Amino acid sequence: MLTITDLKTGTTFKYDESPYLVLEYQHSKMGRGGAVLRTKIKNLVTGTIVNKTFKSSDTFESIRIEQKKVQFLYRENGRFFFMNQDDYSQFDLSSEDLGENINYLKEGETVQFKYYAGKPIDLELPIKMSFTVIEAGGGERGNTVSATTKPIKIETGLAVNAPLFIKKGDEIVIDTRSGEYVERAS
């Protein structure tokens, strides 16, 4: 069993019958009262982030989250199909399950999945990924003080702002956390 002193950033625990991950925490002791722990925690099944305060008497069940390499195979009718690299078993998830991550999935790409109780619960993408530009509008050069950008579309269909020199067919690097252009791929 875990107590509030065990809840640190990155700790996974069971709360309200769901797996949670501690994103931020702050211990507090006020006068004669008991200690409390203010946390920002993420539900690993639904992805919701909540602020929660725990008392010193609260206890939690420790859980184990496994990480496995998974290959993205293809998408069909709003479903995304994956194959576990260890045992070659296949599973599929809906676009609602994956959220914004669908904008960065390329066929054949290997990604990390977090598993809880034998079920995939969270997709972990690399921070930077390379994509091919499939559409690049013509940007206007002019008297500008700062760098100008133009809208482009990458192979997954995501629209991104990129510098004017990027053209169709270029390989670029995108930050998957923010969805922003980083650099040309080398």
N, C-alpha and C. Protein backbone atom coordinates (compact mmCIF):
# COMPACT_ATOMS: atom_id res chain seq x y z
N MET A 1 0.83 -1.19 0.00
CA MET A 1 0.00 0.00 0.00
C MET A 1 0.87 1.26 0.00
N LEU A 2 0.43 2.25 -0.72
CA LEU A 2 1.13 3.52 -0.80
C LEU A 2 0.44 4.55 0.10
N THR A 3 1.23 5.45 0.67
CA THR A 3 0.69 6.56 1.44
C THR A 3 0.96 7.85 0.66
N ILE A 4 0.53 8.98 1.20
CA ILE A 4 0.73 10.23 0.46
C ILE A 4 2.22 10.57 0.31
N THR A 5 3.07 10.08 1.19
CA THR A 5 4.50 10.36 1.04
C THR A 5 5.12 9.57 -0.11
N ASP A 6 4.45 8.53 -0.59
CA ASP A 6 4.95 7.73 -1.71
C ASP A 6 4.55 8.31 -3.06
N LEU A 7 3.59 9.22 -3.07
CA LEU A 7 3.11 9.77 -4.34
C LEU A 7 4.04 10.89 -4.82
N LYS A 8 4.88 10.56 -5.76
CA LYS A 8 5.82 11.50 -6.37
C LYS A 8 5.50 11.60 -7.85
N THR A 9 6.08 12.54 -8.55
CA THR A 9 5.89 12.68 -9.99
C THR A 9 6.29 11.38 -10.69
N GLY A 10 5.40 10.85 -11.51
CA GLY A 10 5.68 9.62 -12.24
C GLY A 10 5.17 8.36 -11.57
N THR A 11 4.67 8.46 -10.33
CA THR A 11 4.15 7.30 -9.62
C THR A 11 2.79 6.91 -10.19
N THR A 12 2.58 5.61 -10.39
CA THR A 12 1.26 5.12 -10.82
C THR A 12 0.60 4.43 -9.63
N PHE A 13 -0.70 4.65 -9.50
CA PHE A 13 -1.45 4.06 -8.39
C PHE A 13 -2.90 3.89 -8.79
N LYS A 14 -3.63 3.10 -8.00
CA LYS A 14 -5.04 2.85 -8.27
C LYS A 14 -5.87 3.73 -7.36
N TYR A 15 -6.81 4.46 -7.95
CA TYR A 15 -7.69 5.35 -7.20
C TYR A 15 -9.06 5.28 -7.87
N ASP A 16 -10.12 5.08 -7.11
CA ASP A 16 -11.47 4.93 -7.66
C ASP A 16 -11.53 3.86 -8.75
N GLU A 17 -10.85 2.75 -8.53
CA GLU A 17 -10.84 1.61 -9.45
C GLU A 17 -10.24 1.91 -10.82
N SER A 18 -9.46 2.98 -10.95
CA SER A 18 -8.81 3.33 -12.21
C SER A 18 -7.33 3.59 -11.97
N PRO A 19 -6.49 3.34 -13.00
CA PRO A 19 -5.07 3.65 -12.86
C PRO A 19 -4.82 5.14 -13.07
N TYR A 20 -4.00 5.73 -12.21
CA TYR A 20 -3.65 7.15 -12.30
C TYR A 20 -2.15 7.32 -12.28
N LEU A 21 -1.70 8.42 -12.88
CA LEU A 21 -0.30 8.81 -12.91
C LEU A 21 -0.18 10.18 -12.27
N VAL A 22 0.78 10.35 -11.34
CA VAL A 22 1.00 11.64 -10.69
C VAL A 22 1.81 12.53 -11.63
N LEU A 23 1.24 13.68 -12.00
CA LEU A 23 1.94 14.63 -12.86
C LEU A 23 2.66 15.69 -12.03
N GLU A 24 1.99 16.18 -10.97
CA GLU A 24 2.58 17.17 -10.07
C GLU A 24 2.09 16.90 -8.66
N TYR A 25 2.89 17.28 -7.68
CA TYR A 25 2.45 17.11 -6.29
C TYR A 25 3.06 18.20 -5.42
N GLN A 26 2.39 18.48 -4.30
CA GLN A 26 2.89 19.46 -3.33
C GLN A 26 2.40 19.07 -1.94
N HIS A 27 3.35 18.79 -1.05
CA HIS A 27 3.01 18.47 0.34
C HIS A 27 2.74 19.76 1.10
N SER A 28 1.79 19.69 2.03
CA SER A 28 1.42 20.86 2.81
C SER A 28 1.07 20.45 4.23
N LYS A 29 1.56 21.19 5.19
CA LYS A 29 1.22 20.96 6.60
C LYS A 29 0.77 22.29 7.15
N MET A 30 -0.48 22.32 7.64
CA MET A 30 -1.02 23.59 8.09
C MET A 30 -1.36 23.53 9.58
N GLY A 31 -0.63 24.29 10.39
CA GLY A 31 -0.90 24.44 11.82
C GLY A 31 -1.13 23.13 12.53
N ARG A 32 -2.27 23.04 13.20
CA ARG A 32 -2.59 21.85 13.99
C ARG A 32 -3.17 20.71 13.15
N GLY A 33 -3.59 21.02 11.95
CA GLY A 33 -4.20 20.00 11.09
C GLY A 33 -3.17 19.00 10.58
N GLY A 34 -3.65 17.93 9.98
CA GLY A 34 -2.76 16.93 9.41
C GLY A 34 -2.20 17.39 8.08
N ALA A 35 -1.24 16.66 7.61
CA ALA A 35 -0.62 16.97 6.33
C ALA A 35 -1.58 16.61 5.19
N VAL A 36 -1.48 17.38 4.12
CA VAL A 36 -2.27 17.08 2.91
C VAL A 36 -1.33 17.09 1.71
N LEU A 37 -1.78 16.44 0.66
CA LEU A 37 -1.01 16.38 -0.57
C LEU A 37 -1.90 16.88 -1.70
N ARG A 38 -1.49 18.00 -2.31
CA ARG A 38 -2.21 18.52 -3.48
C ARG A 38 -1.54 17.94 -4.72
N THR A 39 -2.35 17.33 -5.58
CA THR A 39 -1.78 16.66 -6.75
C THR A 39 -2.52 17.04 -8.02
N LYS A 40 -1.83 16.86 -9.13
CA LYS A 40 -2.43 16.88 -10.46
C LYS A 40 -2.20 15.48 -10.98
N ILE A 41 -3.28 14.73 -11.20
CA ILE A 41 -3.16 13.33 -11.60
C ILE A 41 -3.90 13.09 -12.92
N LYS A 42 -3.41 12.12 -13.68
CA LYS A 42 -3.98 11.78 -14.98
C LYS A 42 -4.55 10.37 -14.94
N ASN A 43 -5.82 10.24 -15.33
CA ASN A 43 -6.44 8.92 -15.46
C ASN A 43 -5.86 8.28 -16.72
N LEU A 44 -5.20 7.13 -16.58
CA LEU A 44 -4.53 6.51 -17.71
C LEU A 44 -5.47 5.81 -18.67
N VAL A 45 -6.73 5.61 -18.27
CA VAL A 45 -7.70 4.98 -19.17
C VAL A 45 -8.41 6.03 -20.00
N THR A 46 -8.92 7.08 -19.35
CA THR A 46 -9.68 8.11 -20.07
C THR A 46 -8.83 9.28 -20.52
N GLY A 47 -7.66 9.48 -19.90
CA GLY A 47 -6.78 10.59 -20.26
C GLY A 47 -7.13 11.90 -19.58
N THR A 48 -8.15 11.92 -18.73
CA THR A 48 -8.53 13.16 -18.05
C THR A 48 -7.53 13.50 -16.95
N ILE A 49 -7.31 14.79 -16.79
CA ILE A 49 -6.39 15.29 -15.77
C ILE A 49 -7.21 16.04 -14.74
N VAL A 50 -7.01 15.68 -13.46
CA VAL A 50 -7.76 16.32 -12.37
C VAL A 50 -6.81 16.76 -11.27
N ASN A 51 -7.24 17.79 -10.55
CA ASN A 51 -6.53 18.22 -9.35
C ASN A 51 -7.22 17.56 -8.16
N LYS A 52 -6.45 16.91 -7.31
CA LYS A 52 -7.03 16.18 -6.18
C LYS A 52 -6.18 16.42 -4.94
N THR A 53 -6.83 16.61 -3.80
CA THR A 53 -6.13 16.77 -2.53
C THR A 53 -6.39 15.53 -1.68
N PHE A 54 -5.31 14.94 -1.16
CA PHE A 54 -5.41 13.74 -0.34
C PHE A 54 -4.99 14.07 1.08
N LYS A 55 -5.65 13.40 2.06
CA LYS A 55 -5.30 13.56 3.48
C LYS A 55 -4.19 12.57 3.84
N SER A 56 -3.54 12.80 4.96
CA SER A 56 -2.44 11.94 5.39
C SER A 56 -2.89 10.52 5.70
N SER A 57 -4.17 10.33 5.97
CA SER A 57 -4.68 9.00 6.30
C SER A 57 -5.02 8.17 5.06
N ASP A 58 -5.01 8.78 3.87
CA ASP A 58 -5.36 8.06 2.64
C ASP A 58 -4.27 7.06 2.25
N THR A 59 -4.70 5.90 1.77
CA THR A 59 -3.76 4.90 1.26
C THR A 59 -4.21 4.49 -0.14
N PHE A 60 -3.26 4.01 -0.93
CA PHE A 60 -3.53 3.68 -2.32
C PHE A 60 -2.87 2.35 -2.67
N GLU A 61 -3.46 1.68 -3.64
CA GLU A 61 -2.90 0.42 -4.12
C GLU A 61 -1.88 0.72 -5.21
N SER A 62 -0.72 0.13 -5.10
CA SER A 62 0.31 0.28 -6.13
C SER A 62 -0.08 -0.57 -7.34
N ILE A 63 0.16 -0.07 -8.52
CA ILE A 63 -0.12 -0.85 -9.73
C ILE A 63 1.12 -0.90 -10.61
N ARG A 64 1.10 -1.83 -11.51
CA ARG A 64 2.22 -1.98 -12.43
C ARG A 64 1.75 -1.68 -13.84
N ILE A 65 2.43 -0.75 -14.46
CA ILE A 65 2.14 -0.40 -15.85
C ILE A 65 3.29 -0.96 -16.70
N GLU A 66 2.94 -1.78 -17.68
CA GLU A 66 3.94 -2.35 -18.57
C GLU A 66 4.06 -1.50 -19.82
N GLN A 67 5.25 -1.48 -20.40
CA GLN A 67 5.45 -0.79 -21.67
C GLN A 67 5.85 -1.83 -22.70
N LYS A 68 5.18 -1.79 -23.85
CA LYS A 68 5.49 -2.74 -24.93
C LYS A 68 5.60 -2.00 -26.24
N LYS A 69 6.51 -2.49 -27.10
CA LYS A 69 6.64 -1.93 -28.44
C LYS A 69 5.54 -2.50 -29.31
N VAL A 70 4.90 -1.61 -30.04
CA VAL A 70 3.76 -1.97 -30.87
C VAL A 70 3.94 -1.31 -32.24
N GLN A 71 3.59 -2.03 -33.29
CA GLN A 71 3.68 -1.47 -34.64
C GLN A 71 2.28 -1.09 -35.12
N PHE A 72 2.17 0.13 -35.66
CA PHE A 72 0.91 0.56 -36.25
C PHE A 72 0.81 -0.06 -37.63
N LEU A 73 -0.27 -0.82 -37.87
CA LEU A 73 -0.43 -1.51 -39.14
C LEU A 73 -1.21 -0.68 -40.16
N TYR A 74 -2.45 -0.33 -39.85
CA TYR A 74 -3.28 0.42 -40.79
C TYR A 74 -4.51 0.98 -40.08
N ARG A 75 -5.23 1.86 -40.79
CA ARG A 75 -6.50 2.39 -40.28
C ARG A 75 -7.61 2.02 -41.25
N GLU A 76 -8.79 1.72 -40.68
CA GLU A 76 -9.93 1.34 -41.50
C GLU A 76 -11.22 1.67 -40.76
N ASN A 77 -12.09 2.43 -41.40
CA ASN A 77 -13.40 2.80 -40.85
C ASN A 77 -13.31 3.38 -39.43
N GLY A 78 -12.37 4.27 -39.21
CA GLY A 78 -12.24 4.91 -37.90
C GLY A 78 -11.58 4.06 -36.83
N ARG A 79 -11.09 2.88 -37.21
CA ARG A 79 -10.39 1.98 -36.28
C ARG A 79 -8.91 1.95 -36.66
N PHE A 80 -8.06 1.84 -35.66
CA PHE A 80 -6.62 1.80 -35.87
C PHE A 80 -6.10 0.45 -35.38
N PHE A 81 -5.39 -0.26 -36.26
CA PHE A 81 -4.95 -1.62 -35.97
C PHE A 81 -3.46 -1.65 -35.65
N PHE A 82 -3.11 -2.36 -34.58
CA PHE A 82 -1.74 -2.45 -34.08
C PHE A 82 -1.33 -3.90 -33.90
N MET A 83 -0.01 -4.14 -33.89
CA MET A 83 0.52 -5.49 -33.64
C MET A 83 1.59 -5.39 -32.55
N ASN A 84 1.43 -6.22 -31.52
CA ASN A 84 2.40 -6.30 -30.44
C ASN A 84 3.68 -6.93 -31.00
N GLN A 85 4.84 -6.30 -30.79
CA GLN A 85 6.11 -6.79 -31.32
C GLN A 85 6.62 -8.03 -30.59
N ASP A 86 6.14 -8.29 -29.37
CA ASP A 86 6.62 -9.43 -28.59
C ASP A 86 5.96 -10.74 -29.01
N ASP A 87 4.63 -10.75 -29.08
CA ASP A 87 3.92 -12.00 -29.36
C ASP A 87 3.12 -11.96 -30.66
N TYR A 88 3.23 -10.87 -31.42
CA TYR A 88 2.57 -10.69 -32.73
C TYR A 88 1.05 -10.73 -32.65
N SER A 89 0.49 -10.52 -31.47
CA SER A 89 -0.96 -10.42 -31.35
C SER A 89 -1.40 -9.06 -31.86
N GLN A 90 -2.62 -8.98 -32.40
CA GLN A 90 -3.12 -7.74 -32.95
C GLN A 90 -4.32 -7.24 -32.15
N PHE A 91 -4.47 -5.92 -32.11
CA PHE A 91 -5.62 -5.30 -31.47
C PHE A 91 -5.94 -4.02 -32.20
N ASP A 92 -7.15 -3.52 -32.00
CA ASP A 92 -7.54 -2.27 -32.64
C ASP A 92 -8.16 -1.32 -31.62
N LEU A 93 -8.02 -0.03 -31.89
CA LEU A 93 -8.58 1.02 -31.03
C LEU A 93 -9.30 2.03 -31.90
N SER A 94 -10.25 2.73 -31.33
CA SER A 94 -10.99 3.75 -32.08
C SER A 94 -10.21 5.07 -32.05
N SER A 95 -10.63 5.98 -32.91
CA SER A 95 -9.98 7.29 -32.93
C SER A 95 -10.25 8.04 -31.63
N GLU A 96 -11.38 7.76 -30.96
CA GLU A 96 -11.67 8.39 -29.67
C GLU A 96 -10.69 7.90 -28.60
N ASP A 97 -10.31 6.62 -28.67
CA ASP A 97 -9.35 6.06 -27.71
C ASP A 97 -7.98 6.71 -27.86
N LEU A 98 -7.60 7.04 -29.09
CA LEU A 98 -6.26 7.55 -29.36
C LEU A 98 -6.16 9.07 -29.29
N GLY A 99 -7.28 9.76 -29.43
CA GLY A 99 -7.28 11.22 -29.35
C GLY A 99 -6.44 11.87 -30.43
N GLU A 100 -5.67 12.89 -30.04
CA GLU A 100 -4.83 13.65 -30.98
C GLU A 100 -3.68 12.83 -31.56
N ASN A 101 -3.37 11.69 -30.94
CA ASN A 101 -2.26 10.87 -31.42
C ASN A 101 -2.46 10.35 -32.84
N ILE A 102 -3.71 10.31 -33.32
CA ILE A 102 -3.96 9.80 -34.68
C ILE A 102 -3.30 10.67 -35.73
N ASN A 103 -3.02 11.94 -35.40
CA ASN A 103 -2.38 12.85 -36.36
C ASN A 103 -0.92 12.50 -36.63
N TYR A 104 -0.34 11.62 -35.84
CA TYR A 104 1.08 11.31 -35.97
C TYR A 104 1.35 9.85 -36.28
N LEU A 105 0.32 9.06 -36.54
CA LEU A 105 0.51 7.63 -36.80
C LEU A 105 0.74 7.37 -38.29
N LYS A 106 1.90 6.77 -38.60
CA LYS A 106 2.23 6.37 -39.97
C LYS A 106 2.25 4.85 -40.03
N GLU A 107 1.77 4.30 -41.12
CA GLU A 107 1.77 2.84 -41.28
C GLU A 107 3.20 2.31 -41.16
N GLY A 108 3.36 1.25 -40.37
CA GLY A 108 4.66 0.63 -40.19
C GLY A 108 5.48 1.23 -39.06
N GLU A 109 5.04 2.34 -38.48
CA GLU A 109 5.76 3.03 -37.40
C GLU A 109 5.67 2.22 -36.11
N THR A 110 6.78 2.13 -35.38
CA THR A 110 6.80 1.45 -34.09
C THR A 110 6.69 2.49 -32.98
N VAL A 111 5.75 2.26 -32.06
CA VAL A 111 5.51 3.18 -30.94
C VAL A 111 5.44 2.38 -29.64
N GLN A 112 5.45 3.08 -28.51
CA GLN A 112 5.33 2.45 -27.20
C GLN A 112 3.88 2.54 -26.73
N PHE A 113 3.38 1.44 -26.18
CA PHE A 113 2.05 1.44 -25.57
C PHE A 113 2.20 1.08 -24.10
N LYS A 114 1.41 1.75 -23.26
CA LYS A 114 1.36 1.40 -21.85
C LYS A 114 0.20 0.41 -21.68
N TYR A 115 0.47 -0.67 -20.93
CA TYR A 115 -0.54 -1.70 -20.68
C TYR A 115 -0.86 -1.75 -19.19
N TYR A 116 -2.14 -1.89 -18.89
CA TYR A 116 -2.59 -2.08 -17.51
C TYR A 116 -3.56 -3.25 -17.51
N ALA A 117 -3.32 -4.23 -16.66
CA ALA A 117 -4.15 -5.44 -16.57
C ALA A 117 -4.29 -6.12 -17.92
N GLY A 118 -3.21 -6.13 -18.70
CA GLY A 118 -3.20 -6.81 -19.98
C GLY A 118 -3.87 -6.07 -21.12
N LYS A 119 -4.33 -4.84 -20.88
CA LYS A 119 -5.01 -4.07 -21.92
C LYS A 119 -4.21 -2.81 -22.25
N PRO A 120 -4.14 -2.45 -23.54
CA PRO A 120 -3.45 -1.21 -23.91
C PRO A 120 -4.27 0.00 -23.44
N ILE A 121 -3.61 0.93 -22.75
CA ILE A 121 -4.33 2.08 -22.22
C ILE A 121 -3.82 3.43 -22.71
N ASP A 122 -2.56 3.51 -23.13
CA ASP A 122 -2.02 4.81 -23.50
C ASP A 122 -0.91 4.65 -24.52
N LEU A 123 -0.97 5.47 -25.55
CA LEU A 123 0.04 5.48 -26.61
C LEU A 123 1.09 6.53 -26.28
N GLU A 124 2.36 6.15 -26.39
CA GLU A 124 3.45 7.06 -26.11
C GLU A 124 4.26 7.25 -27.38
N LEU A 125 4.13 8.42 -28.00
CA LEU A 125 4.83 8.71 -29.25
C LEU A 125 6.21 9.27 -28.97
N PRO A 126 7.14 9.11 -29.92
CA PRO A 126 8.42 9.82 -29.78
C PRO A 126 8.16 11.32 -29.78
N ILE A 127 9.01 12.10 -29.14
CA ILE A 127 8.81 13.54 -29.06
C ILE A 127 8.92 14.19 -30.44
N LYS A 128 9.88 13.74 -31.24
CA LYS A 128 10.04 14.28 -32.60
C LYS A 128 9.90 13.16 -33.61
N MET A 129 9.11 13.42 -34.66
CA MET A 129 8.91 12.44 -35.71
C MET A 129 9.04 13.12 -37.07
N SER A 130 9.51 12.35 -38.07
CA SER A 130 9.67 12.86 -39.43
C SER A 130 8.45 12.52 -40.28
N PHE A 131 8.06 13.48 -41.11
CA PHE A 131 6.92 13.30 -42.00
C PHE A 131 7.23 13.89 -43.37
N THR A 132 6.55 13.40 -44.40
CA THR A 132 6.68 13.94 -45.74
C THR A 132 5.58 14.98 -45.97
N VAL A 133 5.95 16.09 -46.59
CA VAL A 133 4.99 17.15 -46.91
C VAL A 133 4.25 16.73 -48.18
N ILE A 134 2.90 16.71 -48.13
CA ILE A 134 2.13 16.33 -49.32
C ILE A 134 1.46 17.54 -49.97
N GLU A 135 1.33 18.64 -49.23
CA GLU A 135 0.78 19.88 -49.78
C GLU A 135 1.53 21.04 -49.17
N ALA A 136 1.91 21.99 -50.01
CA ALA A 136 2.57 23.20 -49.51
C ALA A 136 2.10 24.37 -50.35
N GLY A 137 1.30 25.23 -49.75
CA GLY A 137 0.81 26.41 -50.46
C GLY A 137 1.94 27.37 -50.73
N GLY A 138 1.70 28.28 -51.65
CA GLY A 138 2.72 29.28 -51.98
C GLY A 138 2.73 30.38 -50.96
N GLY A 139 3.83 30.57 -50.30
CA GLY A 139 3.95 31.64 -49.32
C GLY A 139 4.42 32.90 -49.99
N GLU A 140 4.03 34.04 -49.48
CA GLU A 140 4.42 35.32 -50.04
C GLU A 140 5.60 35.88 -49.26
N ARG A 141 6.68 36.15 -49.98
CA ARG A 141 7.81 36.82 -49.34
C ARG A 141 7.53 38.32 -49.40
N GLY A 142 8.02 39.02 -48.42
CA GLY A 142 7.77 40.45 -48.42
C GLY A 142 8.61 41.15 -47.39
N ASN A 143 8.24 42.33 -47.08
CA ASN A 143 8.95 43.10 -46.06
C ASN A 143 8.47 42.64 -44.69
N THR A 144 9.15 41.66 -44.13
CA THR A 144 8.75 41.13 -42.83
C THR A 144 9.86 41.31 -41.83
N VAL A 145 9.48 41.54 -40.62
CA VAL A 145 10.45 41.71 -39.55
C VAL A 145 10.77 40.35 -38.92
N SER A 146 9.75 39.52 -38.78
CA SER A 146 9.96 38.21 -38.16
C SER A 146 9.76 37.12 -39.21
N ALA A 147 10.06 35.90 -38.83
CA ALA A 147 9.93 34.78 -39.75
C ALA A 147 8.46 34.56 -40.09
N THR A 148 8.18 34.36 -41.37
CA THR A 148 6.81 34.10 -41.79
C THR A 148 6.64 32.62 -42.05
N THR A 149 5.39 32.18 -41.95
CA THR A 149 5.09 30.77 -42.15
C THR A 149 3.96 30.63 -43.14
N LYS A 150 3.79 29.40 -43.62
CA LYS A 150 2.67 29.09 -44.51
C LYS A 150 2.09 27.76 -44.07
N PRO A 151 0.82 27.52 -44.37
CA PRO A 151 0.21 26.24 -44.01
C PRO A 151 0.66 25.13 -44.97
N ILE A 152 0.99 23.98 -44.40
CA ILE A 152 1.35 22.80 -45.19
C ILE A 152 0.56 21.62 -44.65
N LYS A 153 0.54 20.53 -45.39
CA LYS A 153 -0.14 19.32 -44.93
C LYS A 153 0.86 18.17 -45.01
N ILE A 154 0.94 17.38 -43.92
CA ILE A 154 1.86 16.24 -43.91
C ILE A 154 1.10 14.97 -44.29
N GLU A 155 1.84 13.88 -44.45
CA GLU A 155 1.28 12.62 -44.97
C GLU A 155 0.14 12.03 -44.16
N THR A 156 0.01 12.39 -42.89
CA THR A 156 -1.10 11.87 -42.07
C THR A 156 -2.35 12.73 -42.19
N GLY A 157 -2.24 13.87 -42.90
CA GLY A 157 -3.37 14.77 -43.09
C GLY A 157 -3.37 15.95 -42.14
N LEU A 158 -2.41 16.02 -41.23
CA LEU A 158 -2.33 17.11 -40.26
C LEU A 158 -1.84 18.39 -40.94
N ALA A 159 -2.49 19.50 -40.66
CA ALA A 159 -2.07 20.81 -41.18
C ALA A 159 -1.13 21.44 -40.15
N VAL A 160 -0.01 21.95 -40.65
CA VAL A 160 1.03 22.52 -39.80
C VAL A 160 1.52 23.81 -40.44
N ASN A 161 1.95 24.78 -39.65
CA ASN A 161 2.59 25.98 -40.17
C ASN A 161 4.09 25.73 -40.25
N ALA A 162 4.68 26.06 -41.41
CA ALA A 162 6.11 25.83 -41.63
C ALA A 162 6.70 27.04 -42.34
N PRO A 163 8.02 27.17 -42.32
CA PRO A 163 8.67 28.29 -43.02
C PRO A 163 8.37 28.27 -44.53
N LEU A 164 8.56 29.42 -45.16
CA LEU A 164 8.25 29.58 -46.58
C LEU A 164 9.06 28.66 -47.50
N PHE A 165 10.27 28.27 -47.10
CA PHE A 165 11.12 27.47 -47.99
C PHE A 165 10.72 26.00 -48.07
N ILE A 166 9.80 25.54 -47.24
CA ILE A 166 9.34 24.14 -47.27
C ILE A 166 8.44 23.95 -48.48
N LYS A 167 8.70 22.86 -49.23
CA LYS A 167 7.89 22.58 -50.41
C LYS A 167 7.41 21.14 -50.41
N LYS A 168 6.51 20.83 -51.31
CA LYS A 168 5.94 19.48 -51.43
C LYS A 168 7.07 18.47 -51.65
N GLY A 169 6.99 17.34 -50.89
CA GLY A 169 8.00 16.29 -51.02
C GLY A 169 9.12 16.39 -49.99
N ASP A 170 9.25 17.52 -49.29
CA ASP A 170 10.28 17.67 -48.25
C ASP A 170 9.97 16.78 -47.06
N GLU A 171 11.02 16.34 -46.38
CA GLU A 171 10.89 15.62 -45.11
C GLU A 171 11.10 16.64 -44.00
N ILE A 172 10.12 16.73 -43.08
CA ILE A 172 10.25 17.67 -41.97
C ILE A 172 10.06 16.94 -40.64
N VAL A 173 10.52 17.56 -39.57
CA VAL A 173 10.39 17.02 -38.22
C VAL A 173 9.33 17.83 -37.49
N ILE A 174 8.39 17.10 -36.85
CA ILE A 174 7.31 17.72 -36.08
C ILE A 174 7.44 17.31 -34.62
N ASP A 175 7.19 18.26 -33.71
CA ASP A 175 7.14 17.98 -32.27
C ASP A 175 5.74 17.43 -31.97
N THR A 176 5.64 16.17 -31.54
CA THR A 176 4.34 15.53 -31.34
C THR A 176 3.60 16.05 -30.10
N ARG A 177 4.29 16.74 -29.21
CA ARG A 177 3.63 17.31 -28.04
C ARG A 177 2.83 18.55 -28.40
N SER A 178 3.37 19.37 -29.30
CA SER A 178 2.72 20.64 -29.64
C SER A 178 2.17 20.67 -31.07
N GLY A 179 2.62 19.77 -31.92
CA GLY A 179 2.19 19.76 -33.32
C GLY A 179 2.85 20.83 -34.14
N GLU A 180 4.00 21.32 -33.71
CA GLU A 180 4.69 22.40 -34.41
C GLU A 180 5.87 21.89 -35.22
N TYR A 181 6.17 22.63 -36.30
CA TYR A 181 7.34 22.36 -37.12
C TYR A 181 8.61 22.58 -36.30
N VAL A 182 9.59 21.68 -36.44
CA VAL A 182 10.85 21.83 -35.70
C VAL A 182 11.98 22.17 -36.67
N GLU A 183 12.16 21.31 -37.70
CA GLU A 183 13.26 21.49 -38.65
C GLU A 183 13.05 20.59 -39.86
N ARG A 184 13.92 20.77 -40.85
CA ARG A 184 13.95 19.83 -41.96
C ARG A 184 14.63 18.57 -41.50
N ALA A 185 14.15 17.43 -41.98
CA ALA A 185 14.80 16.16 -41.63
C ALA A 185 16.07 16.03 -42.45
N SER A 186 17.10 15.49 -41.83
CA SER A 186 18.37 15.35 -42.56
C SER A 186 18.53 13.97 -43.13
